[in-house]
């Protein structure tokens, strides 16, 4: 099976154990002699492969970005405060600072259009209002802000924006 998936055998075994612990697959035949272990699908999780920890728990990393991406494509316009509030749910909490950073990078990459420029800092300031740019609706997977402060779009499979290097240093 690992060879058909073009992956390492240990990686495949670990993922199968995770799927079993999560109850997504069930063993229908144990390995013995010349027969291989066989599984059946117990719970269909859709088209995307489930992202699981070794314990079979769902991976939560990236859920805030998924929620913000989905929300900003649905609502007319927003500030980062509104985006954080509207993207939060009982499963995912989006911090305002997370929304602020995500909006900053997506705006720089052209995914967001500035509706009104904010002014002032702190509690008395007015935040910038944005609108999702429909021309940049690349697909269902949210663009990712990488450690190098680049924006990678998994729908396109490429880096779509990177910060200009500071040559004055």
N, C-alpha and C. Protein backbone atom coordinates (compact mmCIF):
# COMPACT_ATOMS: atom_id res chain seq x y z
N UNK A 1 0.82 -1.18 0.00
CA UNK A 1 0.00 0.00 0.00
C UNK A 1 0.87 1.25 0.00
N UNK A 2 1.92 1.30 0.80
CA UNK A 2 2.78 2.48 0.87
C UNK A 2 3.42 2.73 -0.50
N UNK A 3 3.81 1.68 -1.20
CA UNK A 3 4.42 1.83 -2.51
C UNK A 3 3.44 2.44 -3.51
N UNK A 4 2.17 2.01 -3.45
CA UNK A 4 1.14 2.57 -4.34
C UNK A 4 0.93 4.06 -4.07
N UNK A 5 1.06 4.45 -2.81
CA UNK A 5 0.89 5.86 -2.44
C UNK A 5 2.19 6.64 -2.57
N UNK A 6 3.27 5.97 -2.96
CA UNK A 6 4.59 6.57 -3.11
C UNK A 6 5.01 7.29 -1.83
N UNK A 7 4.91 6.56 -0.71
CA UNK A 7 5.28 7.11 0.59
C UNK A 7 6.08 6.08 1.39
N UNK A 8 6.71 6.54 2.43
CA UNK A 8 7.49 5.71 3.32
C UNK A 8 6.57 4.76 4.09
N UNK A 9 6.98 3.50 4.28
CA UNK A 9 6.15 2.50 4.95
C UNK A 9 5.82 2.91 6.39
N UNK A 10 6.79 3.48 7.11
CA UNK A 10 6.54 3.90 8.49
C UNK A 10 5.53 5.04 8.56
N UNK A 11 5.59 5.95 7.59
CA UNK A 11 4.63 7.06 7.52
C UNK A 11 3.22 6.50 7.29
N UNK A 12 3.10 5.55 6.38
CA UNK A 12 1.81 4.94 6.09
C UNK A 12 1.26 4.21 7.32
N UNK A 13 2.11 3.48 8.02
CA UNK A 13 1.68 2.75 9.22
C UNK A 13 1.19 3.73 10.30
N UNK A 14 1.93 4.80 10.50
CA UNK A 14 1.55 5.80 11.50
C UNK A 14 0.20 6.42 11.16
N UNK A 15 0.00 6.75 9.89
CA UNK A 15 -1.28 7.36 9.47
C UNK A 15 -2.43 6.37 9.63
N UNK A 16 -2.20 5.11 9.28
CA UNK A 16 -3.26 4.09 9.44
C UNK A 16 -3.62 3.91 10.92
N UNK A 17 -2.61 3.94 11.80
CA UNK A 17 -2.89 3.86 13.25
C UNK A 17 -3.72 5.06 13.70
N UNK A 18 -3.38 6.25 13.21
CA UNK A 18 -4.12 7.47 13.55
C UNK A 18 -5.57 7.38 13.07
N UNK A 19 -5.75 6.91 11.84
CA UNK A 19 -7.11 6.75 11.29
C UNK A 19 -7.92 5.74 12.10
N UNK A 20 -7.26 4.67 12.54
CA UNK A 20 -7.93 3.65 13.35
C UNK A 20 -8.32 4.22 14.71
N UNK A 21 -7.40 4.93 15.37
CA UNK A 21 -7.69 5.54 16.67
C UNK A 21 -8.83 6.55 16.58
N UNK A 22 -8.92 7.24 15.42
CA UNK A 22 -9.98 8.23 15.22
C UNK A 22 -11.31 7.58 14.87
N UNK A 23 -11.30 6.28 14.59
CA UNK A 23 -12.54 5.60 14.23
C UNK A 23 -12.95 5.81 12.78
N UNK A 24 -12.03 6.31 11.96
CA UNK A 24 -12.33 6.57 10.56
C UNK A 24 -12.23 5.30 9.73
N UNK A 25 -11.29 4.42 10.11
CA UNK A 25 -11.19 3.12 9.47
C UNK A 25 -11.25 2.03 10.54
N UNK A 26 -11.62 0.82 10.11
CA UNK A 26 -11.68 -0.33 11.02
C UNK A 26 -10.94 -1.49 10.38
N UNK A 27 -10.25 -2.28 11.22
CA UNK A 27 -9.56 -3.47 10.73
C UNK A 27 -10.61 -4.54 10.45
N UNK A 28 -10.56 -5.08 9.23
CA UNK A 28 -11.48 -6.17 8.90
C UNK A 28 -10.75 -7.50 8.74
N UNK A 29 -9.41 -7.44 8.63
CA UNK A 29 -8.62 -8.68 8.56
C UNK A 29 -7.22 -8.40 9.10
N UNK A 30 -6.85 -9.13 10.13
CA UNK A 30 -5.51 -9.02 10.70
C UNK A 30 -4.51 -9.71 9.77
N UNK A 31 -3.28 -9.27 9.81
CA UNK A 31 -2.22 -9.89 9.02
C UNK A 31 -1.88 -11.24 9.62
N UNK A 32 -1.74 -12.24 8.74
CA UNK A 32 -1.32 -13.57 9.20
C UNK A 32 -0.75 -14.33 8.00
N UNK A 33 0.39 -14.94 8.22
CA UNK A 33 1.01 -15.72 7.14
C UNK A 33 1.28 -14.87 5.91
N UNK A 34 0.59 -15.20 4.83
CA UNK A 34 0.79 -14.50 3.57
C UNK A 34 -0.28 -13.46 3.28
N UNK A 35 -1.19 -13.27 4.21
CA UNK A 35 -2.23 -12.27 3.99
C UNK A 35 -1.87 -10.97 4.69
N UNK A 36 -2.19 -9.88 4.05
CA UNK A 36 -1.92 -8.56 4.61
C UNK A 36 -3.11 -8.08 5.45
N UNK A 37 -2.83 -7.15 6.33
CA UNK A 37 -3.88 -6.53 7.12
C UNK A 37 -4.77 -5.73 6.18
N UNK A 38 -6.09 -5.74 6.45
CA UNK A 38 -7.04 -5.01 5.61
C UNK A 38 -7.94 -4.16 6.49
N UNK A 39 -8.37 -3.01 5.94
CA UNK A 39 -9.24 -2.08 6.65
C UNK A 39 -10.45 -1.76 5.80
N UNK A 40 -11.46 -1.20 6.44
CA UNK A 40 -12.60 -0.66 5.71
C UNK A 40 -12.88 0.74 6.24
N UNK A 41 -13.46 1.58 5.40
CA UNK A 41 -13.82 2.93 5.79
C UNK A 41 -15.04 2.87 6.69
N UNK A 42 -14.92 3.44 7.89
CA UNK A 42 -16.04 3.44 8.84
C UNK A 42 -16.80 4.76 8.80
N UNK A 43 -16.05 5.87 8.59
CA UNK A 43 -16.65 7.20 8.57
C UNK A 43 -16.05 7.98 7.40
N UNK A 44 -16.89 8.40 6.47
CA UNK A 44 -16.43 9.17 5.32
C UNK A 44 -16.29 10.63 5.73
N UNK A 45 -15.06 11.14 5.69
CA UNK A 45 -14.78 12.53 6.09
C UNK A 45 -14.70 13.47 4.89
N UNK A 46 -15.12 13.04 3.73
CA UNK A 46 -15.12 13.91 2.56
C UNK A 46 -13.88 13.76 1.70
N UNK A 47 -13.70 14.70 0.80
CA UNK A 47 -12.67 14.61 -0.21
C UNK A 47 -11.25 14.83 0.32
N UNK A 48 -11.11 15.68 1.34
CA UNK A 48 -9.79 15.96 1.91
C UNK A 48 -9.40 14.86 2.89
N UNK A 49 -8.15 14.44 2.84
CA UNK A 49 -7.65 13.44 3.78
C UNK A 49 -7.67 14.04 5.19
N UNK A 50 -8.17 13.31 6.17
CA UNK A 50 -8.21 13.84 7.55
C UNK A 50 -6.81 14.16 8.06
N UNK A 51 -6.67 15.31 8.70
CA UNK A 51 -5.40 15.68 9.33
C UNK A 51 -5.51 15.32 10.80
N UNK A 52 -4.69 14.35 11.22
CA UNK A 52 -4.79 13.80 12.57
C UNK A 52 -3.44 13.79 13.28
N UNK A 53 -3.50 13.84 14.61
CA UNK A 53 -2.30 13.63 15.41
C UNK A 53 -2.08 12.12 15.50
N UNK A 54 -0.98 11.71 16.10
CA UNK A 54 -0.72 10.28 16.29
C UNK A 54 -1.78 9.63 17.18
N UNK A 55 -2.41 10.44 18.04
CA UNK A 55 -3.46 9.93 18.93
C UNK A 55 -4.82 9.83 18.26
N UNK A 56 -4.91 10.23 16.99
CA UNK A 56 -6.18 10.16 16.27
C UNK A 56 -7.06 11.39 16.48
N UNK A 57 -6.52 12.43 17.09
CA UNK A 57 -7.27 13.67 17.31
C UNK A 57 -7.07 14.59 16.10
N UNK A 58 -8.10 15.37 15.76
CA UNK A 58 -7.95 16.30 14.63
C UNK A 58 -6.86 17.34 14.89
N UNK A 59 -6.10 17.65 13.86
CA UNK A 59 -5.09 18.71 13.95
C UNK A 59 -5.84 20.04 13.91
N UNK A 60 -5.53 20.92 14.86
CA UNK A 60 -6.23 22.20 14.93
C UNK A 60 -5.46 23.34 14.28
N UNK A 61 -4.17 23.13 14.00
CA UNK A 61 -3.36 24.17 13.37
C UNK A 61 -3.97 24.54 12.02
N UNK A 62 -4.13 25.83 11.78
CA UNK A 62 -4.66 26.29 10.50
C UNK A 62 -6.16 26.48 10.49
N UNK A 63 -6.87 26.05 11.54
CA UNK A 63 -8.33 26.18 11.55
C UNK A 63 -8.78 27.64 11.59
N UNK A 64 -8.01 28.49 12.28
CA UNK A 64 -8.36 29.91 12.34
C UNK A 64 -8.29 30.52 10.94
N UNK A 65 -7.23 30.20 10.19
CA UNK A 65 -7.11 30.72 8.83
C UNK A 65 -8.23 30.19 7.93
N UNK A 66 -8.57 28.92 8.08
CA UNK A 66 -9.67 28.35 7.30
C UNK A 66 -10.97 29.10 7.59
N UNK A 67 -11.22 29.34 8.85
CA UNK A 67 -12.44 30.03 9.25
C UNK A 67 -12.46 31.47 8.73
N UNK A 68 -11.33 32.19 8.86
CA UNK A 68 -11.27 33.57 8.36
C UNK A 68 -11.43 33.62 6.85
N UNK A 69 -10.79 32.70 6.13
CA UNK A 69 -10.87 32.64 4.67
C UNK A 69 -12.31 32.43 4.23
N UNK A 70 -12.98 31.49 4.86
CA UNK A 70 -14.38 31.20 4.54
C UNK A 70 -15.26 32.43 4.84
N UNK A 71 -15.03 33.04 6.00
CA UNK A 71 -15.84 34.18 6.42
C UNK A 71 -15.65 35.38 5.50
N UNK A 72 -14.40 35.73 5.19
CA UNK A 72 -14.17 36.92 4.38
C UNK A 72 -14.70 36.76 2.96
N UNK A 73 -14.84 35.53 2.49
CA UNK A 73 -15.41 35.32 1.15
C UNK A 73 -16.93 35.43 1.17
N UNK A 74 -17.53 35.34 2.37
CA UNK A 74 -18.99 35.41 2.48
C UNK A 74 -19.52 36.80 2.81
N UNK A 75 -18.78 37.57 3.63
CA UNK A 75 -19.32 38.85 4.08
C UNK A 75 -18.90 39.98 3.15
N UNK A 76 -19.66 41.05 3.15
CA UNK A 76 -19.41 42.16 2.22
C UNK A 76 -18.09 42.87 2.53
N UNK A 77 -17.97 43.45 3.68
CA UNK A 77 -16.72 44.08 4.06
C UNK A 77 -16.55 43.99 5.57
N UNK A 78 -15.34 44.28 6.05
CA UNK A 78 -15.04 43.99 7.45
C UNK A 78 -13.77 44.71 7.90
N UNK A 79 -13.63 44.82 9.21
CA UNK A 79 -12.37 45.22 9.84
C UNK A 79 -11.78 43.94 10.41
N UNK A 80 -10.54 44.00 10.86
CA UNK A 80 -9.93 42.79 11.43
C UNK A 80 -10.65 42.39 12.72
N UNK A 81 -11.19 43.38 13.48
CA UNK A 81 -11.95 43.07 14.69
C UNK A 81 -13.21 42.26 14.34
N UNK A 82 -13.93 42.73 13.33
CA UNK A 82 -15.16 42.05 12.90
C UNK A 82 -14.85 40.66 12.35
N UNK A 83 -13.77 40.55 11.58
CA UNK A 83 -13.39 39.26 11.02
C UNK A 83 -13.10 38.26 12.12
N UNK A 84 -12.36 38.68 13.15
CA UNK A 84 -12.04 37.78 14.28
C UNK A 84 -13.32 37.31 14.96
N UNK A 85 -14.24 38.23 15.21
CA UNK A 85 -15.50 37.88 15.89
C UNK A 85 -16.37 36.97 15.04
N UNK A 86 -16.50 37.29 13.76
CA UNK A 86 -17.37 36.49 12.87
C UNK A 86 -16.77 35.13 12.52
N UNK A 87 -15.45 35.02 12.60
CA UNK A 87 -14.79 33.75 12.26
C UNK A 87 -14.71 32.80 13.45
N UNK A 88 -14.92 33.32 14.65
CA UNK A 88 -14.84 32.49 15.85
C UNK A 88 -16.12 31.68 16.02
N UNK A 89 -15.96 30.49 16.57
CA UNK A 89 -17.11 29.60 16.82
C UNK A 89 -16.80 28.78 18.07
N UNK A 90 -17.65 27.83 18.38
CA UNK A 90 -17.39 26.97 19.54
C UNK A 90 -16.18 26.07 19.30
N UNK A 91 -15.84 25.79 18.03
CA UNK A 91 -14.69 24.95 17.70
C UNK A 91 -13.40 25.73 17.51
N UNK A 92 -13.51 26.99 17.06
CA UNK A 92 -12.34 27.79 16.70
C UNK A 92 -12.48 29.18 17.30
N UNK A 93 -11.43 29.62 17.97
CA UNK A 93 -11.39 31.00 18.46
C UNK A 93 -10.31 31.73 17.68
N UNK A 94 -10.70 32.84 17.05
CA UNK A 94 -9.75 33.63 16.28
C UNK A 94 -9.43 34.88 17.08
N UNK A 95 -8.17 35.01 17.48
CA UNK A 95 -7.72 36.18 18.22
C UNK A 95 -7.66 37.39 17.29
N UNK A 96 -7.94 38.59 17.83
CA UNK A 96 -7.90 39.79 17.00
C UNK A 96 -6.51 40.02 16.40
N UNK A 97 -5.46 39.70 17.15
CA UNK A 97 -4.10 39.87 16.63
C UNK A 97 -3.82 38.91 15.48
N UNK A 98 -4.40 37.72 15.54
CA UNK A 98 -4.26 36.75 14.45
C UNK A 98 -4.96 37.29 13.20
N UNK A 99 -6.17 37.81 13.38
CA UNK A 99 -6.93 38.38 12.26
C UNK A 99 -6.20 39.59 11.68
N UNK A 100 -5.64 40.43 12.55
CA UNK A 100 -4.93 41.63 12.10
C UNK A 100 -3.73 41.25 11.22
N UNK A 101 -2.95 40.27 11.65
CA UNK A 101 -1.78 39.84 10.88
C UNK A 101 -2.20 39.19 9.57
N UNK A 102 -3.25 38.36 9.59
CA UNK A 102 -3.71 37.67 8.38
C UNK A 102 -4.22 38.68 7.36
N UNK A 103 -5.02 39.64 7.82
CA UNK A 103 -5.57 40.68 6.94
C UNK A 103 -4.44 41.53 6.35
N UNK A 104 -3.45 41.87 7.16
CA UNK A 104 -2.32 42.68 6.69
C UNK A 104 -1.62 42.00 5.52
N UNK A 105 -1.34 40.71 5.67
CA UNK A 105 -0.62 39.98 4.62
C UNK A 105 -1.50 39.73 3.39
N UNK A 106 -2.76 39.39 3.60
CA UNK A 106 -3.63 39.14 2.45
C UNK A 106 -3.90 40.43 1.68
N UNK A 107 -3.94 41.55 2.39
CA UNK A 107 -4.11 42.83 1.73
C UNK A 107 -2.88 43.13 0.86
N UNK A 108 -1.70 42.92 1.40
CA UNK A 108 -0.46 43.15 0.65
C UNK A 108 -0.38 42.25 -0.57
N UNK A 109 -0.96 41.04 -0.48
CA UNK A 109 -0.92 40.08 -1.59
C UNK A 109 -2.04 40.31 -2.60
N UNK A 110 -2.92 41.30 -2.35
CA UNK A 110 -3.99 41.62 -3.30
C UNK A 110 -5.28 40.85 -3.11
N UNK A 111 -5.40 40.05 -2.05
CA UNK A 111 -6.63 39.31 -1.79
C UNK A 111 -7.73 40.20 -1.21
N UNK A 112 -7.32 41.34 -0.64
CA UNK A 112 -8.27 42.26 -0.02
C UNK A 112 -8.14 43.64 -0.64
N UNK A 113 -9.26 44.32 -0.75
CA UNK A 113 -9.31 45.68 -1.26
C UNK A 113 -9.62 46.59 -0.07
N UNK A 114 -8.89 47.69 0.05
CA UNK A 114 -9.16 48.65 1.12
C UNK A 114 -10.39 49.47 0.74
N UNK A 115 -11.40 49.42 1.63
CA UNK A 115 -12.64 50.17 1.42
C UNK A 115 -12.46 51.57 2.02
N UNK A 116 -12.05 51.63 3.28
CA UNK A 116 -11.73 52.90 3.94
C UNK A 116 -10.47 52.70 4.76
N UNK A 117 -9.55 53.62 4.62
CA UNK A 117 -8.29 53.56 5.34
C UNK A 117 -8.52 53.96 6.79
N UNK A 118 -7.96 53.17 7.71
CA UNK A 118 -8.10 53.46 9.12
C UNK A 118 -7.18 54.60 9.53
N UNK A 119 -7.41 55.12 10.72
CA UNK A 119 -6.55 56.18 11.24
C UNK A 119 -6.57 56.13 12.76
N UNK A 120 -5.47 56.59 13.34
CA UNK A 120 -5.35 56.59 14.80
C UNK A 120 -4.97 55.21 15.31
N UNK A 121 -4.36 55.18 16.46
CA UNK A 121 -3.94 53.92 17.09
C UNK A 121 -4.71 53.71 18.37
N UNK A 122 -4.72 52.48 18.86
CA UNK A 122 -5.31 52.18 20.16
C UNK A 122 -6.82 52.11 20.13
N UNK A 123 -7.42 52.23 21.30
CA UNK A 123 -8.87 52.07 21.46
C UNK A 123 -9.66 53.14 20.73
N UNK A 124 -9.09 54.37 20.60
CA UNK A 124 -9.81 55.46 19.94
C UNK A 124 -9.64 55.48 18.44
N UNK A 125 -8.79 54.60 17.91
CA UNK A 125 -8.52 54.59 16.48
C UNK A 125 -9.61 53.90 15.68
N UNK A 126 -9.66 54.24 14.41
CA UNK A 126 -10.61 53.62 13.48
C UNK A 126 -9.81 52.64 12.61
N UNK A 127 -10.15 51.33 12.66
CA UNK A 127 -9.40 50.36 11.86
C UNK A 127 -9.78 50.43 10.37
N UNK A 128 -8.87 49.99 9.54
CA UNK A 128 -9.11 49.93 8.10
C UNK A 128 -10.22 48.92 7.82
N UNK A 129 -11.08 49.26 6.85
CA UNK A 129 -12.17 48.37 6.43
C UNK A 129 -11.78 47.77 5.08
N UNK A 130 -11.93 46.46 4.98
CA UNK A 130 -11.53 45.71 3.78
C UNK A 130 -12.72 45.03 3.13
N UNK A 131 -12.52 44.66 1.87
CA UNK A 131 -13.48 43.84 1.12
C UNK A 131 -12.67 42.76 0.42
N UNK A 132 -13.21 41.55 0.39
CA UNK A 132 -12.54 40.45 -0.32
C UNK A 132 -12.53 40.76 -1.81
N UNK A 133 -11.39 40.53 -2.46
CA UNK A 133 -11.24 40.76 -3.89
C UNK A 133 -11.68 39.48 -4.63
N UNK A 134 -12.86 39.49 -5.27
CA UNK A 134 -13.34 38.26 -5.93
C UNK A 134 -12.42 37.74 -7.03
N UNK A 135 -11.62 38.61 -7.61
CA UNK A 135 -10.68 38.18 -8.66
C UNK A 135 -9.58 37.29 -8.07
N UNK A 136 -9.39 37.34 -6.75
CA UNK A 136 -8.35 36.53 -6.10
C UNK A 136 -8.94 35.31 -5.38
N UNK A 137 -10.17 34.96 -5.69
CA UNK A 137 -10.80 33.78 -5.08
C UNK A 137 -10.23 32.53 -5.74
N UNK A 138 -9.11 32.08 -5.24
CA UNK A 138 -8.35 31.00 -5.88
C UNK A 138 -8.86 29.60 -5.54
N UNK A 139 -9.71 29.46 -4.53
CA UNK A 139 -10.22 28.15 -4.16
C UNK A 139 -10.53 28.05 -2.69
N UNK A 140 -10.88 26.86 -2.22
CA UNK A 140 -11.36 26.68 -0.85
C UNK A 140 -10.28 26.70 0.23
N UNK A 141 -9.05 26.44 -0.13
CA UNK A 141 -7.99 26.36 0.89
C UNK A 141 -7.40 27.74 1.16
N UNK A 142 -7.25 28.11 2.43
CA UNK A 142 -6.80 29.46 2.75
C UNK A 142 -5.32 29.70 2.44
N UNK A 143 -5.00 30.89 1.92
CA UNK A 143 -3.59 31.24 1.77
C UNK A 143 -2.90 31.18 3.13
N UNK A 144 -1.63 30.80 3.11
CA UNK A 144 -0.87 30.62 4.34
C UNK A 144 0.21 31.69 4.44
N UNK A 145 0.37 32.23 5.65
CA UNK A 145 1.45 33.17 5.91
C UNK A 145 2.61 32.32 6.43
N UNK A 146 3.70 32.29 5.69
CA UNK A 146 4.83 31.46 6.08
C UNK A 146 5.77 32.21 7.01
N UNK A 147 6.66 31.49 7.66
CA UNK A 147 7.60 32.09 8.60
C UNK A 147 8.44 33.19 7.96
N UNK A 148 8.68 33.05 6.67
CA UNK A 148 9.48 34.04 5.94
C UNK A 148 8.65 35.26 5.55
N UNK A 149 7.43 35.36 6.08
CA UNK A 149 6.50 36.46 5.81
C UNK A 149 6.12 36.53 4.33
N UNK A 150 6.04 35.36 3.71
CA UNK A 150 5.53 35.26 2.35
C UNK A 150 4.12 34.71 2.42
N UNK A 151 3.33 34.94 1.38
CA UNK A 151 1.98 34.39 1.31
C UNK A 151 2.00 33.28 0.27
N UNK A 152 1.68 32.08 0.73
CA UNK A 152 1.65 30.89 -0.14
C UNK A 152 0.19 30.50 -0.34
N UNK A 153 -0.23 30.34 -1.58
CA UNK A 153 -1.61 29.93 -1.88
C UNK A 153 -1.60 28.45 -2.26
N UNK A 154 -2.13 27.57 -1.38
CA UNK A 154 -2.14 26.14 -1.69
C UNK A 154 -3.07 25.77 -2.85
N UNK A 155 -4.03 26.63 -3.16
CA UNK A 155 -4.90 26.37 -4.31
C UNK A 155 -4.14 26.53 -5.62
N UNK A 156 -3.17 27.44 -5.63
CA UNK A 156 -2.36 27.68 -6.81
C UNK A 156 -1.03 26.94 -6.77
N UNK A 157 -0.65 26.51 -5.55
CA UNK A 157 0.61 25.80 -5.38
C UNK A 157 1.83 26.68 -5.53
N UNK A 158 1.70 27.97 -5.14
CA UNK A 158 2.84 28.85 -5.29
C UNK A 158 2.80 30.02 -4.31
N UNK A 159 3.96 30.64 -4.12
CA UNK A 159 4.06 31.87 -3.33
C UNK A 159 3.52 32.99 -4.20
N UNK A 160 2.55 33.74 -3.66
CA UNK A 160 1.91 34.80 -4.44
C UNK A 160 2.36 36.19 -4.01
N UNK A 161 3.05 36.28 -2.88
CA UNK A 161 3.55 37.58 -2.42
C UNK A 161 4.69 37.36 -1.45
N UNK A 162 5.67 38.23 -1.52
CA UNK A 162 6.72 38.22 -0.50
C UNK A 162 7.15 39.65 -0.23
N UNK A 163 7.50 39.88 1.01
CA UNK A 163 7.93 41.20 1.44
C UNK A 163 9.20 41.58 0.70
N UNK A 164 9.27 42.85 0.31
CA UNK A 164 10.47 43.34 -0.36
C UNK A 164 11.63 43.32 0.63
N UNK A 165 12.79 42.81 0.23
CA UNK A 165 13.93 42.81 1.16
C UNK A 165 14.38 44.23 1.46
N UNK A 166 14.83 44.43 2.69
CA UNK A 166 15.34 45.72 3.12
C UNK A 166 16.83 45.80 2.78
N UNK A 167 17.18 46.52 1.73
CA UNK A 167 18.57 46.60 1.28
C UNK A 167 19.37 47.66 2.04
N UNK A 168 18.71 48.41 2.93
CA UNK A 168 19.38 49.46 3.68
C UNK A 168 20.15 48.91 4.88
N UNK A 169 19.92 47.67 5.25
CA UNK A 169 20.57 47.10 6.43
C UNK A 169 22.01 46.76 6.18
